Amino acid sequence: MRIVIAGAGEVGTHLAKMLSNEEQDIIVIDVEYKKLEPLENYNLLTYQGSAISFNDLNAIKTGYCDLFIAVTKSEARNILACSMAKRLGAKKTVARVDNDEFFNAKWREHINQLGIDHLIYPEMLAAKEISSALKRTWARNWFELFDGELIVVGVKIRSNAVICNQMLKDVSNISHYLHVSAIKRNREIIIPRGDDRVEENDIVYIATTRDHIDEVREACGKTQSPVDNVLIVGGNDIAEQLIKKLGKSVDIKIIEEDLNRCDELSQRYPNCRLVQGDFRDSELSEEESVSNYDAFIALGENSAVNMMACMMAKTNYVPKTIAQVEDIQFINEAEALNIGTIVNKKLLASSRIYQILIDADEDNARCLALADAEVAEVIVQEGDRVTRAPVKDLKLSRDFTIAGLVRDGKGQLVNGNTQIVAGDHVVVFCLQGAIHKLDKYFS
């Protein structure tokens, strides 16, 4: 598949690196060479030029691309670039925008007429992720696959968990409705086998079906805490999108340094309480009594400050804490600390684009799930090696595991005795960069 990425900013660069592991034909275009230079060691091409120049778009053969992705910092530039690419012959286009007005259904036809097939608004995706986390305070991550027929949940394991210190081959005796698909331990992802053990402080990624979520929660020793009031530090676009999602169902207070931004938000959302100030000010943080809140959300620009703020909230017994961590290199550190759910716009935007890639490549659908692992959704074909024997006899690579499948529209987990058949939609957990190893087992 030929993919053009316009914009070598944070989202474009991260997406290009991820896709370069999958043997796609990728070219990244940007006007600044210094942004392209770090990509030169990856399995892709770069081109210094403008995404809104017909000459430059023709030079990289945009008209022959299967997917054109515009993720520059400029919303207007992204829209124009997609329109030009579509006019040149690009099959599908994706534009990053910064305005939720574009998602209004009544403008959908106009957007399509401009030559834009899909829109990406990272801040809206982040708000959706946070909203989901507030509904399930016991989970760190929540992924719904195949319209929710299969669910993958990330959970930090404490000593009170039933599955703690259990070997995976014995976990099935505790619950037949969970499949430990990956373990994050000491900043490293492990694709486990039956003789691996779940340890305290592991983050485990468990596949299950929607009917057995409560059993998974109980096996992990977790309880669901109601969220009636939320304290948000940082009144950025994510905060604004979150206000819209939560509506009046939750009592919201926002601490924001910029006085003008405080005035804007207070006028637009009179149901929210705005406090102007710096949360790092000890007098202000004491005055706001963090311990009185059900959830604390740190959305500041500085990842380290957000992480520290959540740690402080945890020491004040706030049940749910969420931190925006935009520096990908900090994610492993953040997950090793006791700071709750981590939100990263780049990963969320990449995940959404992976989902769009599903439509462009129907044989093998992918969904980026984590910073250092991937989830592949694969449609099994007649004659695939994976259909020749039960899972326990397939001698699968240590780099991936088959977590679950959907057959005849119904989700089910996979164990060693499962016989996969043609037509099954299976979910596979892979270490980052190992997705190409699936070719040995799947068409």
Protein backbone atom coordinates (compact mmCIF):
# COMPACT_ATOMS: atom_id res chain seq x y z
CA MET A 1 0.00 0.00 0.00
CA ARG A 2 1.30 3.46 -0.92
CA ILE A 3 0.84 6.03 1.85
CA VAL A 4 1.72 9.73 1.79
CA ILE A 5 2.03 11.57 5.11
CA ALA A 6 2.01 15.36 4.86
CA GLY A 7 3.58 16.88 7.95
CA ALA A 8 6.53 15.56 9.93
CA GLY A 9 5.32 16.95 13.24
CA GLU A 10 4.70 14.81 16.32
CA VAL A 11 1.68 12.93 14.95
CA GLY A 12 3.08 12.47 11.43
CA THR A 13 6.49 11.33 12.66
CA HIS A 14 5.06 8.85 15.15
CA LEU A 15 2.66 7.44 12.58
CA ALA A 16 5.42 7.13 9.97
CA LYS A 17 7.65 5.21 12.37
CA MET A 18 4.86 2.81 13.28
CA LEU A 19 3.84 2.16 9.68
CA SER A 20 7.46 1.72 8.58
CA ASN A 21 7.55 -1.55 10.55
CA GLU A 22 4.82 -3.01 8.37
CA GLU A 23 6.52 -2.95 4.98
CA GLN A 24 4.24 -0.25 3.56
CA ASP A 25 5.35 2.09 0.78
CA ILE A 26 5.54 5.33 2.79
CA ILE A 27 6.69 8.83 1.89
CA VAL A 28 6.68 11.78 4.30
CA ILE A 29 6.61 15.33 2.94
CA ASP A 30 7.39 18.47 4.94
CA VAL A 31 8.73 21.94 4.16
CA GLU A 32 11.37 21.69 6.93
CA TYR A 33 14.28 19.34 6.33
CA LYS A 34 15.20 19.25 10.05
CA LYS A 35 11.86 17.55 10.76
CA LEU A 36 12.47 14.94 8.08
CA GLU A 37 16.06 14.17 9.04
CA PRO A 38 15.22 11.91 12.06
CA LEU A 39 13.16 9.67 9.74
CA GLU A 40 15.99 8.87 7.36
CA ASN A 41 16.98 5.70 9.23
CA TYR A 42 13.50 4.19 8.90
CA ASN A 43 12.03 2.08 6.10
CA LEU A 44 10.42 5.00 4.28
CA LEU A 45 11.15 7.91 1.95
CA THR A 46 11.16 11.62 2.76
CA TYR A 47 10.68 14.64 0.53
CA GLN A 48 11.28 18.28 1.36
CA GLY A 49 8.42 20.21 -0.15
CA SER A 50 4.99 21.70 0.36
CA ALA A 51 1.83 19.62 0.73
CA ILE A 52 -0.11 22.43 -0.95
CA SER A 53 2.08 22.58 -4.06
CA PHE A 54 0.80 20.67 -7.09
CA ASN A 55 4.38 20.39 -8.34
CA ASP A 56 5.60 18.80 -5.09
CA LEU A 57 2.58 16.51 -4.81
CA ASN A 58 3.14 15.34 -8.38
CA ALA A 59 6.85 14.83 -7.68
CA ILE A 60 6.01 12.21 -5.02
CA LYS A 61 3.27 10.66 -7.21
CA THR A 62 0.44 11.53 -4.83
CA GLY A 63 -2.09 10.62 -7.49
CA TYR A 64 -1.10 6.96 -7.15
CA CYS A 65 -1.33 6.74 -3.36
CA ASP A 66 -3.88 4.60 -1.55
CA LEU A 67 -3.98 6.86 1.50
CA PHE A 68 -3.05 10.54 1.86
CA ILE A 69 -2.75 11.77 5.46
CA ALA A 70 -2.43 15.50 6.17
CA VAL A 71 -1.32 16.13 9.76
CA THR A 72 0.48 19.47 9.61
CA LYS A 73 -0.11 22.01 12.38
CA SER A 74 -2.40 24.06 10.12
CA GLU A 75 -6.01 22.95 9.83
CA ALA A 76 -6.52 24.99 6.65
CA ARG A 77 -3.37 23.57 5.07
CA ASN A 78 -4.50 20.01 5.86
CA ILE A 79 -7.91 20.56 4.28
CA LEU A 80 -6.42 22.13 1.17
CA ALA A 81 -3.73 19.44 0.88
CA CYS A 82 -6.36 16.66 1.02
CA SER A 83 -8.49 18.43 -1.56
CA MET A 84 -5.50 18.75 -3.92
CA ALA A 85 -4.42 15.15 -3.34
CA LYS A 86 -7.92 13.87 -4.09
CA ARG A 87 -8.02 15.93 -7.28
CA LEU A 88 -4.73 14.34 -8.33
CA GLY A 89 -6.13 10.84 -7.80
CA ALA A 90 -5.42 9.80 -4.19
CA LYS A 91 -7.87 7.04 -3.23
CA LYS A 92 -8.51 8.07 0.38
CA THR A 93 -7.63 11.21 2.32
CA VAL A 94 -7.40 12.02 6.03
CA ALA A 95 -7.17 15.57 7.41
CA ARG A 96 -6.24 16.63 10.92
CA VAL A 97 -8.49 19.45 12.13
CA ASP A 98 -8.83 21.55 15.28
CA ASN A 99 -12.54 22.31 15.20
CA ASP A 100 -15.36 19.95 16.17
CA GLU A 101 -17.74 21.89 13.91
CA PHE A 102 -16.47 19.77 11.01
CA PHE A 103 -17.93 16.66 12.67
CA ASN A 104 -21.48 17.96 12.49
CA ALA A 105 -23.45 15.53 10.31
CA LYS A 106 -25.06 18.35 8.33
CA TRP A 107 -21.64 19.36 6.94
CA ARG A 108 -20.56 15.80 6.06
CA GLU A 109 -21.51 16.15 2.39
CA HIS A 110 -19.64 19.45 2.09
CA ILE A 111 -16.53 17.85 3.62
CA ASN A 112 -16.74 14.99 1.14
CA GLN A 113 -17.12 17.42 -1.75
CA LEU A 114 -13.86 19.05 -0.66
CA GLY A 115 -12.17 15.69 -1.22
CA ILE A 116 -11.81 14.69 2.43
CA ASP A 117 -12.81 11.15 3.37
CA HIS A 118 -11.92 11.20 7.08
CA LEU A 119 -11.25 13.78 9.78
CA ILE A 120 -8.92 13.47 12.77
CA TYR A 121 -9.21 15.76 15.79
CA PRO A 122 -6.67 14.48 18.38
CA GLU A 123 -8.05 16.61 21.21
CA MET A 124 -11.52 15.17 20.66
CA LEU A 125 -10.09 11.65 20.69
CA ALA A 126 -8.27 12.43 23.95
CA ALA A 127 -11.49 13.74 25.52
CA LYS A 128 -13.30 10.58 24.46
CA GLU A 129 -10.56 8.48 26.04
CA ILE A 130 -10.78 10.43 29.30
CA SER A 131 -14.57 10.20 29.35
CA SER A 132 -14.29 6.43 28.94
CA ALA A 133 -11.74 6.26 31.76
CA LEU A 134 -14.09 8.12 34.10
CA LYS A 135 -16.79 5.53 33.41
CA ARG A 136 -14.42 2.69 34.31
CA THR A 137 -12.22 4.01 37.09
CA TRP A 138 -10.68 0.60 37.79
CA ALA A 139 -9.12 0.26 34.31
CA ARG A 140 -6.06 1.98 32.88
CA ASN A 141 -6.91 1.23 29.24
CA TRP A 142 -10.05 0.14 27.47
CA PHE A 143 -10.26 -1.05 23.85
CA GLU A 144 -13.40 -2.27 22.13
CA LEU A 145 -12.88 -4.44 19.05
CA PHE A 146 -15.37 -5.68 16.48
CA ASP A 147 -18.11 -3.33 17.71
CA GLY A 148 -17.51 -4.35 21.32
CA GLU A 149 -17.78 -8.11 20.78
CA LEU A 150 -14.26 -8.37 22.21
CA ILE A 151 -12.84 -6.02 24.83
CA VAL A 152 -9.22 -5.55 25.93
CA VAL A 153 -8.72 -3.90 29.29
CA GLY A 154 -5.43 -2.76 30.84
CA VAL A 155 -5.21 -3.12 34.63
CA LYS A 156 -2.48 -2.46 37.22
CA ILE A 157 -2.23 -5.57 39.42
CA ARG A 158 -1.97 -5.22 43.18
CA SER A 159 -1.40 -7.91 45.81
CA ASN A 160 -5.14 -8.28 46.45
CA ALA A 161 -5.83 -9.52 42.90
CA VAL A 162 -6.95 -13.13 42.64
CA ILE A 163 -4.69 -13.61 39.62
CA CYS A 164 -1.62 -12.13 41.34
CA ASN A 165 1.24 -14.67 41.59
CA GLN A 166 -0.72 -17.12 39.46
CA MET A 167 0.74 -18.87 36.42
CA LEU A 168 -1.30 -18.15 33.31
CA LYS A 169 -2.10 -21.82 32.76
CA ASP A 170 -3.80 -21.74 36.17
CA VAL A 171 -5.62 -18.45 35.61
CA SER A 172 -8.18 -20.23 33.43
CA ASN A 173 -9.16 -22.23 36.52
CA ILE A 174 -9.95 -18.95 38.26
CA SER A 175 -11.94 -17.52 35.37
CA HIS A 176 -12.75 -18.96 31.96
CA TYR A 177 -13.66 -15.50 30.72
CA LEU A 178 -10.30 -13.74 30.63
CA HIS A 179 -7.21 -14.11 28.47
CA VAL A 180 -4.02 -12.36 29.62
CA SER A 181 -2.74 -11.19 26.23
CA ALA A 182 0.21 -9.01 27.28
CA ILE A 183 2.04 -8.00 30.44
CA LYS A 184 3.96 -4.78 30.96
CA ARG A 185 6.65 -5.28 33.59
CA ASN A 186 9.58 -2.99 34.37
CA ARG A 187 8.92 -0.89 31.24
CA GLU A 188 8.94 -3.95 28.97
CA ILE A 189 6.05 -5.64 27.16
CA ILE A 190 5.87 -9.43 27.48
CA ILE A 191 3.74 -11.65 25.27
CA PRO A 192 3.11 -14.35 27.91
CA ARG A 193 2.79 -18.11 27.69
CA GLY A 194 1.20 -20.59 30.09
CA ASP A 195 4.24 -20.87 32.37
CA ASP A 196 4.52 -17.08 32.84
CA ARG A 197 3.28 -15.63 36.11
CA VAL A 198 1.29 -12.46 36.88
CA GLU A 199 3.21 -10.39 39.42
CA GLU A 200 2.33 -7.46 41.66
CA ASN A 201 2.68 -4.08 39.90
CA ASP A 202 2.33 -5.66 36.46
CA ILE A 203 0.07 -3.90 34.00
CA VAL A 204 -1.85 -6.72 32.36
CA TYR A 205 -3.86 -6.47 29.15
CA ILE A 206 -6.80 -8.85 29.37
CA ALA A 207 -9.10 -9.88 26.54
CA THR A 208 -12.68 -10.72 27.48
CA THR A 209 -16.24 -10.46 26.23
CA ARG A 210 -18.70 -7.75 27.19
CA ASP A 211 -20.78 -10.09 29.38
CA HIS A 212 -17.89 -10.85 31.71
CA ILE A 213 -16.37 -7.46 32.48
CA ASP A 214 -17.43 -7.61 36.15
CA GLU A 215 -15.75 -11.00 36.57
CA VAL A 216 -12.51 -9.61 35.12
CA ARG A 217 -12.70 -6.61 37.47
CA GLU A 218 -13.19 -8.88 40.49
CA ALA A 219 -10.34 -11.21 39.43
CA CYS A 220 -8.08 -8.14 39.30
CA GLY A 221 -9.16 -7.06 42.79
CA LYS A 222 -10.66 -3.80 41.58
CA THR A 223 -13.77 -1.86 42.53
CA GLN A 224 -15.71 0.69 40.48
CA SER A 225 -15.81 4.15 42.05
CA PRO A 226 -18.54 6.62 41.10
CA VAL A 227 -17.37 9.94 39.67
CA ASP A 228 -19.56 12.89 40.66
CA ASN A 229 -16.98 15.67 40.70
CA VAL A 230 -13.79 16.29 38.72
CA LEU A 231 -10.86 18.68 39.10
CA ILE A 232 -9.10 19.51 35.83
CA VAL A 233 -5.75 21.31 35.71
CA GLY A 234 -5.39 23.05 32.35
CA GLY A 235 -8.17 24.60 30.30
CA ASN A 236 -6.93 23.53 26.87
CA ASP A 237 -8.90 22.15 23.92
CA ILE A 238 -8.99 18.68 25.49
CA ALA A 239 -10.63 20.15 28.59
CA GLU A 240 -13.19 21.95 26.45
CA GLN A 241 -14.05 18.82 24.50
CA LEU A 242 -14.32 16.91 27.79
CA ILE A 243 -16.79 19.47 29.15
CA LYS A 244 -18.95 18.92 26.08
CA LYS A 245 -18.81 15.14 26.50
CA LEU A 246 -19.58 15.12 30.21
CA GLY A 247 -22.29 17.77 30.01
CA LYS A 248 -23.99 18.35 33.36
CA SER A 249 -23.59 14.76 34.54
CA VAL A 250 -20.44 15.64 36.50
CA ASP A 251 -19.53 18.66 38.63
CA ILE A 252 -16.42 20.16 36.95
CA LYS A 253 -13.85 22.62 38.26
CA ILE A 254 -10.97 23.82 36.06
CA ILE A 255 -7.75 25.51 37.17
CA GLU A 256 -6.23 27.56 34.34
CA GLU A 257 -3.32 30.02 34.43
CA ASP A 258 -4.44 32.24 31.55
CA LEU A 259 -7.06 34.75 32.67
CA ASN A 260 -8.46 35.28 29.17
CA ARG A 261 -8.91 31.54 28.69
CA CYS A 262 -10.69 31.37 32.05
CA ASP A 263 -13.09 34.07 30.89
CA GLU A 264 -13.72 32.26 27.59
CA LEU A 265 -14.53 28.95 29.24
CA SER A 266 -16.67 30.48 31.99
CA GLN A 267 -18.79 32.29 29.39
CA ARG A 268 -19.21 29.23 27.17
CA TYR A 269 -19.80 26.75 29.99
CA PRO A 270 -21.48 28.47 32.93
CA ASN A 271 -22.08 25.10 34.60
CA CYS A 272 -18.29 24.76 35.16
CA ARG A 273 -16.35 26.52 37.89
CA LEU A 274 -13.16 28.25 36.73
CA VAL A 275 -10.22 29.16 38.97
CA GLN A 276 -7.40 31.33 37.61
CA GLY A 277 -4.00 30.30 38.90
CA ASP A 278 -1.04 27.92 38.80
CA PHE A 279 -1.77 24.56 40.43
CA ARG A 280 1.91 24.29 41.35
CA ASP A 281 1.28 27.12 43.80
CA SER A 282 1.09 25.26 47.13
CA GLU A 283 -1.41 27.72 48.58
CA LEU A 284 -3.77 27.24 45.64
CA SER A 285 -3.48 23.44 45.65
CA GLU A 286 -4.21 23.37 49.38
CA GLU A 287 -7.12 25.75 48.97
CA GLU A 288 -8.71 23.54 46.30
CA SER A 289 -8.63 20.45 48.58
CA VAL A 290 -7.80 17.81 45.96
CA SER A 291 -8.87 15.02 48.30
CA ASN A 292 -12.50 16.15 47.95
CA TYR A 293 -12.65 15.09 44.28
CA ASP A 294 -13.53 11.73 42.73
CA ALA A 295 -11.19 12.31 39.79
CA PHE A 296 -8.16 14.50 39.05
CA ILE A 297 -7.12 15.22 35.44
CA ALA A 298 -3.81 16.93 34.58
CA LEU A 299 -3.85 18.42 31.07
CA GLY A 300 -0.97 20.89 31.22
CA GLU A 301 1.60 21.26 28.43
CA ASN A 302 4.42 19.81 30.54
CA SER A 303 4.25 16.00 30.77
CA ALA A 304 6.52 15.82 33.83
CA VAL A 305 4.40 18.36 35.70
CA ASN A 306 1.24 16.43 34.84
CA MET A 307 2.81 13.22 36.14
CA MET A 308 3.88 14.86 39.40
CA ALA A 309 0.45 16.45 39.86
CA CYS A 310 -1.24 13.05 39.54
CA MET A 311 1.19 11.50 42.00
CA MET A 312 0.31 14.25 44.45
CA ALA A 313 -3.40 13.62 43.88
CA LYS A 314 -2.86 9.89 44.53
CA THR A 315 -1.18 10.66 47.86
CA ASN A 316 -4.33 12.63 48.70
CA TYR A 317 -6.42 9.50 48.02
CA VAL A 318 -8.12 10.70 44.84
CA PRO A 319 -9.67 7.48 43.43
CA LYS A 320 -9.05 8.24 39.73
CA THR A 321 -6.17 10.21 38.25
CA ILE A 322 -5.49 10.89 34.56
CA ALA A 323 -2.43 12.56 33.06
CA GLN A 324 -1.78 13.90 29.59
CA VAL A 325 1.72 12.65 28.69
CA GLU A 326 2.63 13.93 25.24
CA ASP A 327 6.30 12.93 25.34
CA ILE A 328 6.23 9.32 24.16
CA GLN A 329 9.59 8.64 25.78
CA PHE A 330 7.95 9.41 29.15
CA ILE A 331 5.13 6.89 28.76
CA ASN A 332 7.09 3.92 30.09
CA GLU A 333 8.19 6.01 33.07
CA ALA A 334 4.66 7.23 33.65
CA GLU A 335 3.21 3.71 33.57
CA ALA A 336 5.80 2.58 36.10
CA LEU A 337 4.58 5.27 38.51
CA ASN A 338 1.32 5.27 40.41
CA ILE A 339 -0.42 7.96 38.36
CA GLY A 340 -3.41 6.13 36.87
CA THR A 341 -4.52 6.50 33.26
CA ILE A 342 -2.20 8.06 30.68
CA VAL A 343 -3.48 9.90 27.62
CA ASN A 344 -1.34 10.62 24.57
CA LYS A 345 -2.85 12.40 21.56
CA LYS A 346 -0.27 11.02 19.13
CA LEU A 347 -1.07 7.42 19.99
CA LEU A 348 -4.80 8.09 19.82
CA ALA A 349 -4.54 9.83 16.46
CA SER A 350 -2.37 7.01 15.12
CA SER A 351 -4.88 4.47 16.40
CA ARG A 352 -7.70 6.21 14.56
CA ILE A 353 -5.68 6.34 11.33
CA TYR A 354 -4.93 2.62 11.71
CA GLN A 355 -8.67 2.07 11.89
CA ILE A 356 -9.05 4.04 8.66
CA LEU A 357 -6.35 1.83 7.17
CA ILE A 358 -8.73 -1.08 7.80
CA ASP A 359 -11.08 0.26 5.13
CA ALA A 360 -8.24 0.67 2.66
CA ASP A 361 -6.80 -2.81 3.24
CA GLU A 362 -9.71 -5.13 3.95
CA ASP A 363 -7.70 -8.35 4.14
CA ASN A 364 -5.74 -7.40 7.24
CA ALA A 365 -7.14 -4.77 9.59
CA ARG A 366 -4.92 -3.21 12.22
CA CYS A 367 -5.40 -1.12 15.32
CA LEU A 368 -2.49 0.48 17.14
CA ALA A 369 -3.10 -0.06 20.82
CA LEU A 370 -0.03 0.85 22.85
CA ALA A 371 3.26 2.72 22.66
CA ASP A 372 5.30 -0.49 22.31
CA ALA A 373 2.80 -3.13 21.17
CA GLU A 374 0.17 -3.52 18.49
CA VAL A 375 -3.13 -5.26 18.04
CA ALA A 376 -3.92 -6.89 14.72
CA GLU A 377 -7.46 -7.75 13.66
CA VAL A 378 -7.15 -10.44 10.99
CA ILE A 379 -9.79 -12.13 8.82
CA VAL A 380 -8.84 -15.80 8.46
CA GLN A 381 -8.77 -17.12 4.89
CA GLU A 382 -9.31 -20.65 3.58
CA GLY A 383 -6.04 -22.58 3.71
CA ASP A 384 -4.29 -20.26 6.21
CA ARG A 385 -1.74 -22.12 8.31
CA VAL A 386 -3.56 -21.03 11.45
CA THR A 387 -6.51 -23.26 10.49
CA ARG A 388 -4.49 -26.50 10.23
CA ALA A 389 -4.39 -27.44 13.92
CA PRO A 390 -5.58 -26.34 17.38
CA VAL A 391 -3.80 -23.25 18.68
CA LYS A 392 -1.61 -25.26 21.10
CA ASP A 393 -0.09 -27.16 18.14
CA LEU A 394 0.62 -24.15 15.87
CA LYS A 395 4.03 -23.34 17.40
CA LEU A 396 3.27 -19.63 17.41
CA SER A 397 6.07 -17.07 17.54
CA ARG A 398 6.90 -15.73 21.01
CA ASP A 399 6.31 -12.24 19.59
CA PHE A 400 2.52 -12.56 19.42
CA THR A 401 -0.50 -14.32 20.90
CA ILE A 402 -4.03 -14.93 19.63
CA ALA A 403 -6.32 -13.37 22.23
CA GLY A 404 -9.83 -13.88 20.89
CA LEU A 405 -12.01 -14.20 17.84
CA VAL A 406 -15.42 -13.33 16.48
CA ARG A 407 -17.32 -16.14 14.76
CA ASP A 408 -20.80 -15.66 13.31
CA GLY A 409 -20.93 -12.24 14.95
CA LYS A 410 -20.23 -13.52 18.47
CA GLY A 411 -17.02 -12.86 20.41
CA GLN A 412 -15.16 -15.65 22.19
CA LEU A 413 -11.77 -16.11 23.81
CA VAL A 414 -9.06 -18.39 22.46
CA ASN A 415 -7.29 -21.16 24.38
CA GLY A 416 -4.94 -23.97 23.40
CA ASN A 417 -7.78 -26.22 22.26
CA THR A 418 -9.42 -23.62 20.01
CA GLN A 419 -9.62 -24.58 16.35
CA ILE A 420 -9.60 -21.46 14.19
CA VAL A 421 -11.55 -21.71 10.93
CA ALA A 422 -11.83 -19.68 7.73
CA GLY A 423 -14.05 -16.64 8.18
CA ASP A 424 -13.07 -16.08 11.81
CA HIS A 425 -12.06 -12.54 12.76
CA VAL A 426 -9.18 -12.99 15.19
CA VAL A 427 -7.42 -10.51 17.49
CA VAL A 428 -3.66 -10.88 17.82
CA PHE A 429 -1.36 -9.05 20.28
CA CYS A 430 2.08 -8.32 18.79
CA LEU A 431 5.27 -6.76 20.05
CA GLN A 432 6.03 -3.54 18.19
CA GLY A 433 7.57 -4.29 14.81
CA ALA A 434 6.57 -7.97 14.86
CA ILE A 435 3.32 -7.65 12.93
CA HIS A 436 4.99 -8.91 9.73
CA LYS A 437 5.51 -12.30 11.43
CA LEU A 438 1.78 -12.89 11.13
CA ASP A 439 2.27 -13.50 7.40
CA LYS A 440 3.54 -16.99 8.19
CA TYR A 441 0.19 -17.95 9.71
CA PHE A 442 -2.28 -15.73 7.86
CA SER A 443 -2.69 -14.88 4.20
